[in-house]
């Protein structure tokens, strides 16, 4: 089995805030990530597809096609946006990386699986900072 990865980049702002908590508790739990005026990140999204190479092309997935799909379905919706206010699939959800990557999966899995004849979406990795990231396998 081959794992093929495509990395995309986007910038976005968000705030971690539980409206059921006091300002003090939000700051205690989320620290500066609960800043009332938001904060931003330079996110990296790595989409991993697993499968066997197509006998005619030698590709598991056409990376140009995969990039276009990721750009159209996800990046254009979140780049230079406020995740809490501007992104419809995040309305009513805590704008954590964990929730964001699960929403990305819901969007990307059906589309990616359609363009990969001998494989499927395997994993999403979302970097919020160079040292903080989440991985999601669709489980």
Protein backbone atom coordinates (compact mmCIF):
# COMPACT_ATOMS: atom_id res chain seq x y z
CA UNK A 1 0.00 0.00 0.00
CA UNK A 2 1.29 3.46 -0.95
CA UNK A 3 0.56 6.63 1.02
CA UNK A 4 0.54 9.80 -1.10
CA UNK A 5 0.46 13.17 0.66
CA UNK A 6 -0.45 16.67 -0.45
CA UNK A 7 0.23 19.71 1.77
CA UNK A 8 -1.85 22.88 1.53
CA UNK A 9 -1.62 26.10 3.50
CA UNK A 10 -4.17 28.59 4.83
CA UNK A 11 -4.33 31.48 7.29
CA UNK A 12 -7.27 31.82 9.64
CA UNK A 13 -8.33 33.42 12.90
CA UNK A 14 -10.32 31.81 15.66
CA UNK A 15 -11.12 31.98 19.35
CA UNK A 16 -11.51 29.13 21.79
CA UNK A 17 -14.41 30.11 23.99
CA UNK A 18 -17.14 28.24 25.83
CA UNK A 19 -20.15 30.58 26.23
CA UNK A 20 -21.33 28.58 29.26
CA UNK A 21 -18.19 29.56 31.21
CA UNK A 22 -17.09 32.80 32.76
CA UNK A 23 -14.37 34.88 31.16
CA UNK A 24 -12.05 33.78 33.96
CA UNK A 25 -12.69 30.08 33.37
CA UNK A 26 -12.25 30.48 29.61
CA UNK A 27 -8.90 32.15 30.18
CA UNK A 28 -7.93 29.49 32.75
CA UNK A 29 -8.63 26.67 30.26
CA UNK A 30 -7.76 28.28 26.91
CA UNK A 31 -5.27 30.98 27.94
CA UNK A 32 -4.54 33.57 25.25
CA UNK A 33 -6.47 31.43 22.73
CA UNK A 34 -9.62 32.85 24.38
CA UNK A 35 -8.60 36.41 23.49
CA UNK A 36 -11.79 38.42 22.96
CA UNK A 37 -10.29 39.90 19.76
CA UNK A 38 -9.34 36.50 18.28
CA UNK A 39 -5.92 35.21 17.27
CA UNK A 40 -4.58 33.71 14.08
CA UNK A 41 -2.50 30.83 12.73
CA UNK A 42 -0.68 29.81 9.60
CA UNK A 43 -2.25 26.37 9.22
CA UNK A 44 -0.84 23.46 7.19
CA UNK A 45 -3.21 20.72 6.05
CA UNK A 46 -1.72 17.43 4.86
CA UNK A 47 -4.09 15.12 3.02
CA UNK A 48 -2.92 11.50 2.83
CA UNK A 49 -4.42 9.09 0.32
CA UNK A 50 -3.64 5.38 0.43
CA UNK A 51 -3.94 2.92 -2.37
CA UNK A 52 -2.26 1.07 -5.18
CA UNK A 53 -0.92 2.75 -8.31
CA UNK A 54 -3.25 2.79 -11.28
CA UNK A 55 -1.80 0.42 -13.90
CA UNK A 56 -2.23 2.99 -16.68
CA UNK A 57 -0.86 6.12 -14.95
CA UNK A 58 1.32 4.73 -12.17
CA UNK A 59 -0.43 7.15 -9.79
CA UNK A 60 -2.37 6.37 -6.63
CA UNK A 61 -3.93 9.81 -7.14
CA UNK A 62 -3.28 12.65 -9.56
CA UNK A 63 -1.78 15.22 -7.17
CA UNK A 64 -2.80 18.14 -9.36
CA UNK A 65 -6.41 16.97 -9.23
CA UNK A 66 -6.16 16.34 -5.47
CA UNK A 67 -4.77 19.83 -4.89
CA UNK A 68 -7.58 21.41 -6.89
CA UNK A 69 -10.14 19.44 -4.88
CA UNK A 70 -8.63 20.50 -1.53
CA UNK A 71 -8.37 24.12 -2.65
CA UNK A 72 -11.96 24.25 -3.92
CA UNK A 73 -13.70 22.31 -1.15
CA UNK A 74 -11.74 23.45 1.90
CA UNK A 75 -9.01 26.07 1.51
CA UNK A 76 -11.16 28.64 -0.30
CA UNK A 77 -13.72 28.37 2.51
CA UNK A 78 -11.26 28.90 5.39
CA UNK A 79 -8.33 30.94 4.06
CA UNK A 80 -8.17 34.45 5.55
CA UNK A 81 -11.42 33.78 7.39
CA UNK A 82 -12.54 33.82 11.00
CA UNK A 83 -13.33 30.16 11.72
CA UNK A 84 -15.90 31.09 14.38
CA UNK A 85 -17.80 33.64 12.29
CA UNK A 86 -17.18 33.11 8.58
CA UNK A 87 -17.09 29.34 8.04
CA UNK A 88 -20.54 27.77 7.77
CA UNK A 89 -19.50 24.23 8.68
CA UNK A 90 -18.01 25.51 11.96
CA UNK A 91 -21.10 27.42 13.15
CA UNK A 92 -22.07 26.32 16.66
CA UNK A 93 -18.86 24.29 17.13
CA UNK A 94 -15.79 25.00 19.22
CA UNK A 95 -13.19 26.16 16.66
CA UNK A 96 -10.51 23.73 17.87
CA UNK A 97 -8.17 21.91 15.51
CA UNK A 98 -9.83 18.66 16.52
CA UNK A 99 -13.28 19.83 15.40
CA UNK A 100 -11.90 21.55 12.32
CA UNK A 101 -10.09 18.45 11.04
CA UNK A 102 -13.21 16.30 11.55
CA UNK A 103 -15.24 18.77 9.47
CA UNK A 104 -12.56 18.72 6.77
CA UNK A 105 -12.83 14.93 6.67
CA UNK A 106 -16.62 15.06 6.16
CA UNK A 107 -16.08 17.36 3.19
CA UNK A 108 -13.04 15.70 1.63
CA UNK A 109 -13.60 11.96 2.11
CA UNK A 110 -16.45 11.52 -0.40
CA UNK A 111 -14.77 13.71 -3.02
CA UNK A 112 -11.30 12.18 -2.63
CA UNK A 113 -12.63 8.63 -2.66
CA UNK A 114 -14.39 9.41 -5.94
CA UNK A 115 -11.15 10.40 -7.72
CA UNK A 116 -9.00 7.56 -6.35
CA UNK A 117 -9.89 4.40 -8.31
CA UNK A 118 -7.64 2.06 -6.30
CA UNK A 119 -7.59 3.68 -2.86
CA UNK A 120 -9.18 6.13 -0.45
CA UNK A 121 -8.60 9.03 1.92
CA UNK A 122 -6.42 7.67 4.70
CA UNK A 123 -5.51 10.54 7.03
CA UNK A 124 -5.69 14.28 7.55
CA UNK A 125 -2.98 16.09 9.48
CA UNK A 126 -3.64 19.68 10.52
CA UNK A 127 -0.80 21.81 11.87
CA UNK A 128 -1.89 24.81 13.91
CA UNK A 129 1.72 25.68 14.78
CA UNK A 130 4.99 23.95 13.85
CA UNK A 131 4.78 22.03 17.15
CA UNK A 132 1.01 21.55 17.58
CA UNK A 133 -0.94 19.35 15.20
CA UNK A 134 -3.74 16.80 15.06
CA UNK A 135 -4.18 13.70 12.94
CA UNK A 136 -7.53 12.23 11.97
CA UNK A 137 -8.27 8.89 10.33
CA UNK A 138 -12.02 9.34 9.94
CA UNK A 139 -12.88 7.18 12.92
